[in-house]
Amino acid sequence: MHLFETEEDDIWVCIACGRDREEEIKAKGWEYIFDKDEPMLRCKLCGKPDYEMED
């Protein structure tokens, strides 16, 4: 999960959305802060985690 600083707040963006919406993120001027591998985090754009935990 990628953490970005936006005009309004810091948001988490999953790897898939980060890749698929790279141009939009650049156009909005979001600043990349860091990555975190945490299955409980949810993407602000799609609402999904980077991966699903297996039981």
Protein backbone atom coordinates (compact mmCIF):
# COMPACT_ATOMS: atom_id res chain seq x y z
CA MET A 1 0.00 0.00 0.00
CA HIS A 2 1.32 3.45 -0.92
CA LEU A 3 0.75 6.48 1.30
CA PHE A 4 0.26 9.79 -0.51
CA GLU A 5 -0.04 13.32 0.84
CA THR A 6 -2.89 15.14 -0.92
CA GLU A 7 -4.28 18.66 -0.64
CA GLU A 8 -6.91 17.48 1.84
CA ASP A 9 -5.44 14.52 3.71
CA ASP A 10 -3.00 11.62 3.59
CA ILE A 11 -4.48 8.62 1.77
CA TRP A 12 -3.58 4.99 1.16
CA VAL A 13 -3.59 3.76 -2.44
CA CYS A 14 -3.25 0.07 -3.33
CA ILE A 15 -0.58 -1.13 -5.74
CA ALA A 16 -3.12 -1.81 -8.51
CA CYS A 17 -4.74 1.65 -8.32
CA GLY A 18 -1.31 3.28 -8.02
CA ARG A 19 -0.30 1.65 -11.28
CA ASP A 20 -3.64 2.10 -13.09
CA ARG A 21 -4.11 5.73 -12.05
CA GLU A 22 -0.48 6.89 -12.10
CA GLU A 23 -1.16 9.75 -14.54
CA GLU A 24 -4.08 11.03 -12.47
CA ILE A 25 -2.00 10.93 -9.27
CA LYS A 26 0.81 12.88 -10.96
CA ALA A 27 -1.65 15.41 -12.43
CA LYS A 28 -3.15 16.05 -8.99
CA GLY A 29 0.34 16.54 -7.54
CA TRP A 30 0.02 13.95 -4.79
CA GLU A 31 3.31 13.46 -2.98
CA TYR A 32 4.44 9.88 -2.32
CA ILE A 33 5.43 9.38 1.34
CA PHE A 34 6.15 5.65 1.82
CA ASP A 35 4.90 2.06 1.37
CA LYS A 36 3.50 -0.23 4.05
CA ASP A 37 2.74 -3.93 3.74
CA GLU A 38 -0.35 -4.17 5.95
CA PRO A 39 -3.34 -6.35 4.96
CA MET A 40 -5.75 -4.35 7.14
CA LEU A 41 -5.24 -1.11 5.15
CA ARG A 42 -7.81 -0.27 2.48
CA CYS A 43 -7.31 1.77 -0.68
CA LYS A 44 -9.06 5.14 -0.69
CA LEU A 45 -9.76 4.81 -4.42
CA CYS A 46 -11.19 1.26 -4.68
CA GLY A 47 -11.73 0.24 -1.05
CA LYS A 48 -9.77 -3.01 -1.39
CA PRO A 49 -6.53 -4.22 0.25
CA ASP A 50 -3.34 -5.00 -1.69
CA TYR A 51 -3.99 -8.71 -1.09
CA GLU A 52 -6.45 -10.94 0.73
CA MET A 53 -5.30 -12.87 3.81
CA GLU A 54 -5.70 -16.63 3.59
CA ASP A 55 -7.11 -18.60 6.53
